[in-house]
N, C-alpha and C. Protein backbone atom coordinates (compact mmCIF):
# COMPACT_ATOMS: atom_id res chain seq x y z
N MET A 1 36.41 -19.66 11.61
CA MET A 1 35.40 -19.04 12.35
C MET A 1 35.48 -17.64 11.34
N LYS A 2 36.13 -17.44 11.07
CA LYS A 2 36.40 -15.77 10.03
C LYS A 2 35.70 -16.59 8.86
N LYS A 3 36.04 -17.66 8.49
CA LYS A 3 35.17 -17.84 7.05
C LYS A 3 33.72 -17.79 7.31
N ILE A 4 33.67 -18.25 8.12
CA ILE A 4 31.32 -18.62 7.91
C ILE A 4 31.06 -16.81 8.20
N ALA A 5 31.72 -16.13 9.16
CA ALA A 5 31.91 -14.49 9.01
C ALA A 5 31.97 -14.31 7.84
N SER A 6 32.59 -14.45 6.83
CA SER A 6 32.63 -13.77 6.01
C SER A 6 31.56 -14.32 4.87
N VAL A 7 31.08 -15.31 4.93
CA VAL A 7 30.20 -15.84 4.10
C VAL A 7 29.21 -15.34 4.88
N LEU A 8 28.77 -15.16 5.67
CA LEU A 8 27.68 -14.72 6.39
C LEU A 8 27.22 -13.36 6.12
N LEU A 9 28.41 -12.01 6.24
CA LEU A 9 28.31 -10.78 5.45
C LEU A 9 28.07 -10.49 3.83
N SER A 10 29.16 -12.17 3.03
CA SER A 10 28.71 -11.59 1.64
C SER A 10 27.55 -12.17 1.54
N LEU A 11 26.78 -13.25 2.19
CA LEU A 11 25.25 -13.55 2.29
C LEU A 11 24.07 -12.56 2.54
N GLU A 12 24.26 -11.81 3.52
CA GLU A 12 24.00 -10.46 3.97
C GLU A 12 23.87 -9.00 3.01
N SER A 13 25.12 -9.32 2.31
CA SER A 13 24.73 -7.93 1.48
C SER A 13 24.30 -8.67 -0.02
N VAL A 14 24.61 -9.73 -0.19
CA VAL A 14 23.34 -10.01 -1.32
C VAL A 14 22.13 -9.66 -0.90
N LEU A 15 21.58 -10.48 0.19
CA LEU A 15 20.21 -10.28 0.45
C LEU A 15 19.71 -8.54 0.53
N ALA A 16 20.36 -7.51 1.04
CA ALA A 16 20.45 -6.13 1.09
C ALA A 16 20.60 -5.98 -0.54
N ARG A 17 20.85 -6.15 -1.20
CA ARG A 17 20.78 -5.58 -2.60
C ARG A 17 19.86 -6.22 -2.99
N ILE A 18 18.75 -7.47 -2.52
CA ILE A 18 18.02 -7.70 -3.63
C ILE A 18 16.50 -6.73 -2.55
N ASN A 19 16.52 -6.77 -1.16
CA ASN A 19 15.00 -6.70 -0.32
C ASN A 19 15.31 -4.62 -0.72
N GLY A 20 16.57 -4.22 -1.03
CA GLY A 20 16.50 -2.66 -1.01
C GLY A 20 15.06 -2.87 -2.38
N PRO A 21 16.17 -3.02 -3.06
CA PRO A 21 14.42 -2.72 -4.66
C PRO A 21 13.66 -3.84 -4.21
N LEU A 22 13.34 -4.35 -3.31
CA LEU A 22 12.09 -4.85 -3.62
C LEU A 22 10.82 -4.10 -2.71
N VAL A 23 11.90 -3.37 -1.55
CA VAL A 23 10.85 -2.31 -0.82
C VAL A 23 10.59 -1.35 -1.70
N VAL A 24 11.77 -0.90 -2.39
CA VAL A 24 11.33 0.39 -3.25
C VAL A 24 10.10 0.15 -4.76
N VAL A 25 9.61 -1.08 -4.78
CA VAL A 25 9.52 -1.60 -5.74
C VAL A 25 7.11 -1.98 -4.93
N CYS A 26 8.02 -2.01 -3.89
CA CYS A 26 6.52 -2.21 -2.86
C CYS A 26 5.77 -0.63 -2.40
N GLY A 27 6.52 0.12 -2.39
CA GLY A 27 5.82 1.54 -1.93
C GLY A 27 5.31 2.22 -3.61
N VAL A 28 6.05 1.41 -4.67
CA VAL A 28 5.63 2.53 -5.92
C VAL A 28 4.27 1.81 -5.64
N VAL A 29 4.17 -0.05 -6.05
CA VAL A 29 3.32 -0.81 -5.77
C VAL A 29 2.21 -0.18 -5.09
N LEU A 30 2.55 0.34 -3.98
CA LEU A 30 0.96 0.28 -3.30
C LEU A 30 0.94 2.14 -3.37
N PHE A 31 1.57 2.81 -3.83
CA PHE A 31 1.44 4.35 -4.29
C PHE A 31 0.40 3.91 -5.53
N LEU A 32 0.60 3.06 -6.26
CA LEU A 32 -0.10 3.42 -7.35
C LEU A 32 -1.32 2.46 -6.85
N PHE A 33 -1.83 1.71 -6.48
CA PHE A 33 -2.76 1.38 -5.91
C PHE A 33 -3.36 2.59 -4.97
N MET A 34 -3.18 3.42 -4.60
CA MET A 34 -3.85 4.08 -3.55
C MET A 34 -4.37 4.96 -5.02
N PHE A 35 -3.07 5.38 -6.15
CA PHE A 35 -4.89 5.95 -7.49
C PHE A 35 -5.74 5.16 -7.82
N MET A 36 -5.35 3.97 -7.66
CA MET A 36 -6.16 3.14 -8.29
C MET A 36 -7.79 3.06 -7.18
N VAL A 37 -7.63 3.12 -5.70
CA VAL A 37 -8.23 3.00 -4.69
C VAL A 37 -9.62 4.60 -4.80
N VAL A 38 -8.36 5.52 -4.73
CA VAL A 38 -8.78 7.07 -5.47
C VAL A 38 -10.06 6.48 -6.38
N SER A 39 -9.52 6.76 -7.11
CA SER A 39 -10.23 6.34 -8.97
C SER A 39 -11.77 5.75 -8.97
N ASP A 40 -11.62 4.51 -7.60
CA ASP A 40 -12.89 3.72 -7.43
C ASP A 40 -13.81 4.33 -7.44
N VAL A 41 -13.30 5.02 -5.86
CA VAL A 41 -14.00 5.20 -4.85
C VAL A 41 -14.64 6.68 -5.46
N THR A 42 -13.71 7.67 -6.15
CA THR A 42 -14.40 8.94 -7.00
C THR A 42 -15.11 8.32 -8.16
N GLY A 43 -15.00 7.08 -9.23
CA GLY A 43 -15.98 6.76 -10.20
C GLY A 43 -17.09 6.30 -9.63
N ARG A 44 -17.15 6.01 -8.99
CA ARG A 44 -18.33 4.82 -7.75
C ARG A 44 -19.68 5.90 -7.14
N TYR A 45 -19.10 7.10 -6.38
CA TYR A 45 -19.95 8.13 -5.99
C TYR A 45 -20.29 9.41 -6.90
N LEU A 46 -19.05 9.20 -7.78
CA LEU A 46 -19.23 10.54 -8.66
C LEU A 46 -20.22 10.23 -9.73
N PHE A 47 -19.20 9.23 -10.16
CA PHE A 47 -19.85 8.90 -11.86
C PHE A 47 -20.48 7.87 -11.81
N LEU A 48 -20.63 6.92 -10.75
CA LEU A 48 -21.59 5.28 -11.04
C LEU A 48 -21.39 4.87 -11.89
N LYS A 49 -19.89 4.95 -12.01
CA LYS A 49 -18.68 4.03 -12.72
C LYS A 49 -17.84 3.60 -11.95
N PRO A 50 -17.75 2.62 -10.98
CA PRO A 50 -16.44 1.86 -10.48
C PRO A 50 -15.08 1.36 -11.04
N VAL A 51 -14.25 1.73 -10.69
CA VAL A 51 -12.57 0.85 -11.46
C VAL A 51 -13.08 -0.68 -10.45
N PHE A 52 -13.15 -1.72 -11.82
CA PHE A 52 -13.78 -3.34 -11.56
C PHE A 52 -12.09 -3.84 -11.75
N GLY A 53 -12.28 -4.32 -10.22
CA GLY A 53 -11.71 -5.46 -9.91
C GLY A 53 -10.35 -5.26 -8.75
N THR A 54 -10.63 -3.21 -8.01
CA THR A 54 -9.98 -2.85 -7.41
C THR A 54 -9.76 -3.82 -6.26
N THR A 55 -11.03 -4.89 -5.01
CA THR A 55 -10.69 -5.65 -4.13
C THR A 55 -9.49 -6.52 -4.57
N GLU A 56 -9.89 -7.20 -5.43
CA GLU A 56 -9.00 -8.44 -6.35
C GLU A 56 -7.80 -8.01 -6.94
N VAL A 57 -7.67 -6.73 -7.05
CA VAL A 57 -5.38 -6.28 -7.06
C VAL A 57 -5.55 -6.02 -6.34
N GLY A 58 -5.99 -5.69 -4.99
CA GLY A 58 -5.82 -4.79 -3.52
C GLY A 58 -5.37 -6.27 -2.54
N GLN A 59 -5.57 -7.01 -2.80
CA GLN A 59 -5.67 -8.32 -2.31
C GLN A 59 -4.21 -8.84 -2.93
N ASN A 60 -3.99 -9.03 -3.83
CA ASN A 60 -2.39 -8.82 -4.21
C ASN A 60 -1.74 -8.19 -4.12
N VAL A 61 -1.67 -6.71 -4.12
CA VAL A 61 -1.52 -5.47 -3.66
C VAL A 61 -0.64 -6.10 -2.40
N LEU A 62 -1.27 -6.08 -1.43
CA LEU A 62 -1.67 -5.90 -0.09
C LEU A 62 -0.35 -7.26 0.37
N ALA A 63 -0.57 -8.47 -0.65
CA ALA A 63 0.79 -9.57 -0.50
C ALA A 63 1.90 -8.90 -0.90
N PHE A 64 1.78 -8.18 -1.75
CA PHE A 64 3.19 -7.75 -2.03
C PHE A 64 3.65 -7.35 -1.14
N VAL A 65 3.27 -6.50 -0.85
CA VAL A 65 3.81 -5.52 0.73
C VAL A 65 3.89 -5.38 1.42
N ILE A 66 3.09 -6.30 1.66
CA ILE A 66 3.71 -7.06 3.27
C ILE A 66 4.96 -8.45 3.37
N PHE A 67 4.92 -9.09 2.54
CA PHE A 67 5.36 -10.21 2.46
C PHE A 67 6.66 -9.93 1.55
N LEU A 68 7.20 -9.28 1.06
CA LEU A 68 8.15 -8.56 0.42
C LEU A 68 8.99 -7.70 1.23
N SER A 69 8.51 -7.21 1.95
CA SER A 69 9.37 -6.09 2.77
C SER A 69 9.57 -6.62 4.51
N TRP A 70 9.50 -7.99 4.49
CA TRP A 70 9.82 -8.62 5.59
C TRP A 70 11.10 -8.79 6.00
N ALA A 71 11.77 -9.33 5.23
CA ALA A 71 13.57 -9.19 5.65
C ALA A 71 13.87 -8.02 5.17
N ALA A 72 13.65 -6.97 4.68
CA ALA A 72 14.02 -5.70 4.88
C ALA A 72 14.37 -5.44 6.62
N VAL A 73 12.94 -5.28 6.81
CA VAL A 73 12.19 -4.72 8.07
C VAL A 73 13.31 -5.61 9.12
N LEU A 74 13.34 -6.82 8.98
CA LEU A 74 14.26 -7.15 9.90
C LEU A 74 15.95 -7.38 9.94
N ALA A 75 15.80 -7.06 8.69
CA ALA A 75 17.57 -6.68 8.33
C ALA A 75 18.16 -5.11 9.19
N SER A 76 17.13 -4.49 8.77
CA SER A 76 17.51 -3.11 9.58
C SER A 76 16.86 -2.88 10.83
N GLY A 77 16.35 -3.86 11.77
CA GLY A 77 16.51 -4.26 12.99
C GLY A 77 14.75 -3.37 13.41
N GLN A 78 13.80 -2.64 12.37
CA GLN A 78 12.73 -1.96 12.20
C GLN A 78 11.60 -2.67 13.31
N HIS A 79 11.53 -3.53 13.06
CA HIS A 79 10.52 -4.19 13.27
C HIS A 79 10.00 -4.21 14.38
N ILE A 80 8.84 -5.00 15.11
CA ILE A 80 7.89 -4.28 16.84
C ILE A 80 9.01 -5.19 17.33
N ARG A 81 9.26 -5.10 18.97
CA ARG A 81 9.92 -5.66 19.67
C ARG A 81 8.48 -6.09 20.54
N VAL A 82 8.74 -7.01 21.02
CA VAL A 82 7.64 -6.47 22.71
C VAL A 82 8.66 -7.04 23.87
N VAL A 83 9.03 -6.45 24.45
CA VAL A 83 10.26 -6.29 25.76
C VAL A 83 10.03 -6.47 26.81
N ILE A 84 8.80 -6.27 27.22
CA ILE A 84 7.94 -6.39 28.49
C ILE A 84 9.40 -7.47 29.49
N LEU A 85 8.87 -8.26 29.20
CA LEU A 85 9.60 -9.43 30.53
C LEU A 85 11.28 -9.81 29.61
N LEU A 86 11.74 -9.39 28.55
CA LEU A 86 13.36 -9.44 28.05
C LEU A 86 14.03 -8.52 29.07
N GLU A 87 13.41 -7.52 29.47
CA GLU A 87 14.56 -6.43 29.35
C GLU A 87 14.89 -6.14 31.13
N ARG A 88 13.91 -7.29 31.74
CA ARG A 88 14.37 -7.02 32.99
C ARG A 88 15.25 -9.08 33.06
N PHE A 89 15.74 -9.70 32.49
CA PHE A 89 16.38 -10.03 32.32
C PHE A 89 18.24 -9.88 32.05
N PRO A 90 19.17 -10.19 32.55
CA PRO A 90 20.24 -9.67 32.59
C PRO A 90 20.62 -9.53 30.83
N PRO A 91 21.50 -9.46 30.40
CA PRO A 91 22.59 -9.25 29.23
C PRO A 91 22.36 -10.73 28.58
N GLN A 92 22.98 -11.94 29.63
CA GLN A 92 23.21 -13.00 29.02
C GLN A 92 22.31 -13.70 28.25
N VAL A 93 21.45 -13.47 29.86
CA VAL A 93 20.47 -15.00 29.50
C VAL A 93 19.39 -14.31 28.06
N ARG A 94 19.04 -12.69 28.31
CA ARG A 94 18.59 -11.61 26.75
C ARG A 94 18.98 -12.57 25.77
N ALA A 95 20.61 -12.67 25.66
CA ALA A 95 21.23 -12.93 24.54
C ALA A 95 20.89 -14.31 24.39
N TRP A 96 20.70 -15.15 24.93
CA TRP A 96 20.50 -16.71 24.43
C TRP A 96 19.10 -17.06 24.16
N LEU A 97 18.06 -16.11 24.97
CA LEU A 97 16.15 -15.88 24.63
C LEU A 97 16.12 -15.41 23.50
N GLU A 98 17.16 -14.40 22.79
CA GLU A 98 16.69 -13.46 21.41
C GLU A 98 17.43 -14.49 20.53
N LEU A 99 18.51 -15.45 20.78
CA LEU A 99 18.76 -16.79 20.06
C LEU A 99 17.49 -17.73 20.25
N PHE A 100 17.09 -17.87 20.50
CA PHE A 100 16.18 -18.45 20.47
C PHE A 100 14.95 -18.49 19.68
N ALA A 101 14.75 -17.30 20.13
CA ALA A 101 13.36 -16.60 19.00
C ALA A 101 13.67 -16.64 17.79
N LEU A 102 14.88 -16.46 17.50
CA LEU A 102 15.56 -16.35 16.33
C LEU A 102 14.92 -17.79 15.49
N ALA A 103 15.56 -18.77 16.44
CA ALA A 103 15.15 -20.10 16.04
C ALA A 103 14.08 -20.52 15.57
N VAL A 104 13.12 -20.19 16.65
CA VAL A 104 12.12 -20.55 16.78
C VAL A 104 10.97 -19.62 15.50
N GLY A 105 11.48 -18.59 15.58
CA GLY A 105 11.18 -17.59 13.77
C GLY A 105 11.68 -17.79 12.52
N PHE A 106 13.07 -18.72 12.36
CA PHE A 106 13.07 -19.76 11.18
C PHE A 106 12.42 -20.71 11.20
N ALA A 107 12.09 -21.22 12.28
CA ALA A 107 11.55 -22.11 11.81
C ALA A 107 9.68 -22.36 11.26
N MET A 108 9.49 -21.38 11.94
CA MET A 108 8.04 -21.04 11.13
C MET A 108 8.06 -20.33 10.21
N ILE A 109 8.88 -19.30 9.91
CA ILE A 109 8.74 -19.26 8.58
C ILE A 109 9.37 -19.67 7.29
N PHE A 110 10.15 -20.28 7.66
CA PHE A 110 10.76 -21.89 6.75
C PHE A 110 10.01 -22.50 6.34
N SER A 111 8.75 -23.08 7.38
CA SER A 111 7.57 -23.70 6.76
C SER A 111 6.47 -23.20 6.27
N ILE A 112 6.35 -21.75 6.49
CA ILE A 112 5.35 -21.24 6.13
C ILE A 112 5.81 -21.33 4.32
N ALA A 113 6.85 -21.08 3.89
CA ALA A 113 8.06 -20.33 2.79
C ALA A 113 7.38 -21.73 2.26
N TRP A 114 7.72 -23.45 2.63
CA TRP A 114 7.81 -24.41 2.09
C TRP A 114 6.53 -25.02 1.59
N TYR A 115 5.56 -24.84 2.40
CA TYR A 115 3.99 -24.58 1.73
C TYR A 115 3.67 -23.84 1.16
N GLY A 116 4.21 -22.32 0.96
CA GLY A 116 3.82 -21.73 0.44
C GLY A 116 4.20 -21.73 -1.16
N LEU A 117 5.06 -21.90 -1.23
CA LEU A 117 5.84 -22.36 -2.26
C LEU A 117 4.83 -23.85 -3.67
N SER A 118 4.50 -25.01 -2.88
CA SER A 118 2.83 -25.68 -3.48
C SER A 118 1.48 -24.64 -3.17
N PHE A 119 1.58 -23.65 -2.62
CA PHE A 119 0.90 -22.90 -2.95
C PHE A 119 0.38 -22.12 -4.28
N ALA A 120 1.12 -22.02 -3.77
CA ALA A 120 1.80 -20.82 -5.76
C ALA A 120 2.01 -21.62 -6.68
N THR A 121 3.04 -23.05 -6.27
CA THR A 121 2.91 -23.43 -8.09
C THR A 121 1.26 -24.53 -8.16
N GLU A 122 0.67 -24.72 -7.96
CA GLU A 122 -0.47 -25.17 -7.82
C GLU A 122 -1.68 -24.18 -8.31
N SER A 123 -1.48 -23.08 -8.01
CA SER A 123 -2.43 -21.98 -8.15
C SER A 123 -1.66 -21.49 -9.43
N TYR A 124 -0.71 -21.29 -10.56
CA TYR A 124 -0.33 -20.76 -11.49
C TYR A 124 -0.56 -21.97 -12.23
N LYS A 125 -0.21 -23.48 -12.02
CA LYS A 125 -0.73 -24.58 -13.10
C LYS A 125 -2.31 -24.70 -13.06
N PHE A 126 -2.95 -24.16 -12.05
CA PHE A 126 -4.14 -24.14 -12.66
C PHE A 126 -4.88 -22.59 -13.18
N LYS A 127 -3.90 -21.90 -13.17
CA LYS A 127 -4.76 -20.71 -13.50
C LYS A 127 -5.69 -20.36 -12.47
N GLU A 128 -5.48 -20.11 -11.35
CA GLU A 128 -6.60 -19.61 -10.45
C GLU A 128 -6.81 -18.46 -10.51
N THR A 129 -7.87 -18.10 -10.88
CA THR A 129 -8.24 -16.60 -10.55
C THR A 129 -9.38 -16.05 -9.13
N PHE A 130 -9.45 -14.51 -9.39
CA PHE A 130 -10.94 -14.51 -8.07
C PHE A 130 -11.98 -14.22 -8.63
N LEU A 131 -12.90 -14.52 -8.43
CA LEU A 131 -14.35 -15.08 -9.27
C LEU A 131 -14.55 -14.12 -10.19
N THR A 132 -14.28 -12.67 -9.44
CA THR A 132 -15.26 -11.90 -10.16
C THR A 132 -14.76 -11.57 -11.62
N TYR A 133 -13.32 -10.86 -11.88
CA TYR A 133 -13.03 -10.10 -13.15
C TYR A 133 -11.89 -11.49 -13.84
N GLY A 134 -11.46 -12.41 -13.14
CA GLY A 134 -10.58 -13.33 -14.54
C GLY A 134 -9.12 -12.87 -13.36
N ILE A 135 -8.82 -11.54 -12.38
CA ILE A 135 -8.04 -11.12 -12.37
C ILE A 135 -6.62 -12.72 -11.81
N PRO A 136 -5.95 -12.70 -11.71
CA PRO A 136 -5.17 -13.87 -11.58
C PRO A 136 -4.67 -13.80 -9.81
N ARG A 137 -4.56 -14.99 -9.10
CA ARG A 137 -4.57 -14.96 -7.86
C ARG A 137 -2.96 -15.79 -7.19
N TYR A 138 -1.90 -15.94 -8.32
CA TYR A 138 -0.60 -16.41 -8.03
C TYR A 138 0.32 -15.34 -8.24
N PRO A 139 0.12 -14.34 -8.47
CA PRO A 139 0.74 -13.02 -7.78
C PRO A 139 1.14 -12.87 -6.38
N GLY A 140 0.48 -13.31 -5.75
CA GLY A 140 -0.03 -12.79 -4.47
C GLY A 140 0.78 -14.01 -3.98
N LYS A 141 0.11 -15.29 -4.20
CA LYS A 141 0.82 -16.57 -3.73
C LYS A 141 2.24 -16.48 -3.56
N MET A 142 2.85 -16.04 -4.75
CA MET A 142 4.01 -16.37 -5.15
C MET A 142 5.22 -15.61 -3.93
N ALA A 143 4.01 -14.24 -4.38
CA ALA A 143 4.98 -12.96 -3.53
C ALA A 143 4.49 -13.42 -2.12
N LEU A 144 4.04 -14.23 -1.35
CA LEU A 144 4.34 -15.17 -0.10
C LEU A 144 5.08 -15.93 -0.24
N PHE A 145 5.25 -16.39 -1.06
CA PHE A 145 6.31 -18.17 -0.90
C PHE A 145 7.97 -16.79 -1.04
N VAL A 146 7.84 -15.98 -1.66
CA VAL A 146 9.57 -15.03 -1.71
C VAL A 146 9.78 -14.47 -0.81
N GLY A 147 8.55 -13.76 -0.12
CA GLY A 147 8.80 -13.05 0.91
C GLY A 147 9.37 -13.99 2.48
N CYS A 148 8.53 -15.06 2.19
CA CYS A 148 8.97 -15.70 3.52
C CYS A 148 10.08 -16.44 3.32
N THR A 149 10.65 -17.05 1.99
CA THR A 149 11.41 -17.34 1.83
C THR A 149 13.41 -16.38 2.10
N LEU A 150 12.84 -15.44 1.26
CA LEU A 150 13.85 -14.35 2.19
C LEU A 150 14.08 -13.69 3.48
N PHE A 151 12.75 -13.64 4.45
CA PHE A 151 13.03 -13.90 5.53
C PHE A 151 13.24 -14.83 6.44
N ALA A 152 12.94 -15.86 5.72
CA ALA A 152 13.55 -17.04 6.60
C ALA A 152 15.16 -17.36 5.93
N ILE A 153 15.52 -16.69 5.15
CA ILE A 153 17.13 -17.02 4.85
C ILE A 153 17.83 -15.10 6.08
N GLN A 154 17.23 -14.51 6.00
CA GLN A 154 17.14 -13.12 7.10
C GLN A 154 17.74 -13.46 8.52
N PHE A 155 16.31 -14.75 8.79
CA PHE A 155 16.39 -15.08 10.37
C PHE A 155 17.23 -16.07 10.47
N PHE A 156 18.06 -16.37 9.11
CA PHE A 156 18.60 -18.06 9.54
C PHE A 156 20.05 -17.34 10.07
N ILE A 157 20.68 -15.94 8.82
CA ILE A 157 21.65 -15.20 9.11
C ILE A 157 21.94 -14.53 10.67
N GLN A 158 20.61 -13.73 10.76
CA GLN A 158 20.38 -13.19 11.92
C GLN A 158 21.23 -14.14 13.66
N PHE A 159 20.56 -15.15 13.10
CA PHE A 159 20.71 -16.70 14.16
C PHE A 159 21.72 -16.94 14.12
N LEU A 160 22.71 -17.12 13.07
CA LEU A 160 24.00 -17.48 13.12
C LEU A 160 25.25 -16.62 13.27
N SER A 161 24.76 -15.54 12.83
CA SER A 161 26.09 -14.38 13.48
C SER A 161 25.98 -13.81 15.23
N ARG A 162 24.45 -13.97 15.41
CA ARG A 162 24.94 -14.18 17.06
C ARG A 162 24.96 -15.14 17.90
N LEU A 163 24.49 -16.37 17.11
CA LEU A 163 25.24 -17.46 17.43
C LEU A 163 26.22 -17.95 18.12
N PHE A 164 27.27 -17.44 16.90
CA PHE A 164 28.94 -17.30 16.20
C PHE A 164 28.95 -16.10 17.93
N ALA A 165 28.87 -15.26 17.38
CA ALA A 165 28.66 -13.93 18.76
C ALA A 165 28.84 -14.14 19.91
N ARG A 166 27.80 -14.89 20.45
CA ARG A 166 27.35 -15.33 22.03
C ARG A 166 28.39 -15.96 22.30
N LEU A 167 28.69 -17.43 21.30
CA LEU A 167 30.21 -18.24 21.42
C LEU A 167 31.22 -17.71 21.62
N ALA A 168 31.33 -16.56 21.38
CA ALA A 168 33.08 -15.68 21.27
C ALA A 168 32.99 -15.17 22.28
N GLY A 169 31.62 -15.01 22.98
CA GLY A 169 31.89 -13.95 24.77
C GLY A 169 31.30 -12.99 24.43
N LYS A 170 30.75 -11.94 23.08
CA LYS A 170 30.40 -11.25 22.90
C LYS A 170 28.87 -10.99 22.44
N ILE A 171 28.40 -9.88 23.39
CA ILE A 171 27.14 -9.77 22.79
C ILE A 171 26.61 -8.84 21.53
N PRO A 172 26.20 -9.29 20.51
CA PRO A 172 25.92 -7.99 19.47
C PRO A 172 25.59 -6.50 19.18
N ALA A 173 26.25 -5.53 19.52
CA ALA A 173 26.07 -4.19 19.78
C ALA A 173 25.35 -3.85 19.25
N GLY A 174 24.81 -2.70 20.52
CA GLY A 174 22.72 -2.33 20.25
C GLY A 174 21.87 -3.27 20.58
N ARG A 175 22.11 -4.81 21.02
CA ARG A 175 21.18 -5.40 21.39
C ARG A 175 20.90 -6.11 22.29
N GLU A 176 22.08 -5.45 23.54
CA GLU A 176 21.59 -5.37 24.74
C GLU A 176 20.59 -4.74 25.50
N GLN A 177 20.51 -3.34 25.01
CA GLN A 177 19.83 -2.62 25.60
C GLN A 177 18.07 -2.81 25.06
N SER A 178 17.50 -3.59 23.92
CA SER A 178 16.46 -3.49 23.60
C SER A 178 15.57 -4.58 23.71
């Protein structure tokens, strides 16, 4: 049991070292995209010369920002939790329901990542672009795959750590109230 716990902790620390820089990159990309949007709007209405491709670049940027930050949000526990029914159960039942939710979340996100890989590789293989300016689509699809893969791994880690804590008779600290 201790060996599995140490493997989970080391895997979680590796994920944290990946997620931290990814979140910073997402923030910088979003910040730069804000300047692009301001330039596009200013150019469109003041100079009648918009920045071409802003919408297409924005679709890729949103894919990066959304998908690549999911695992970090789950790891830090800052995701949205709807607990309207969950808080009415005793801590023992709540712990098992959270385990079930983590298992379902892992299964769903793993499926999305699995199919996202084929979408991304096909898009890259065919050099798929947006119709207007030839901006490639595959970076956003690759972000979907990478982000969902990291998210699924984070779900799996949390599922296993809570399962082992549950089997050992402990409810993870801070989780019984939320």
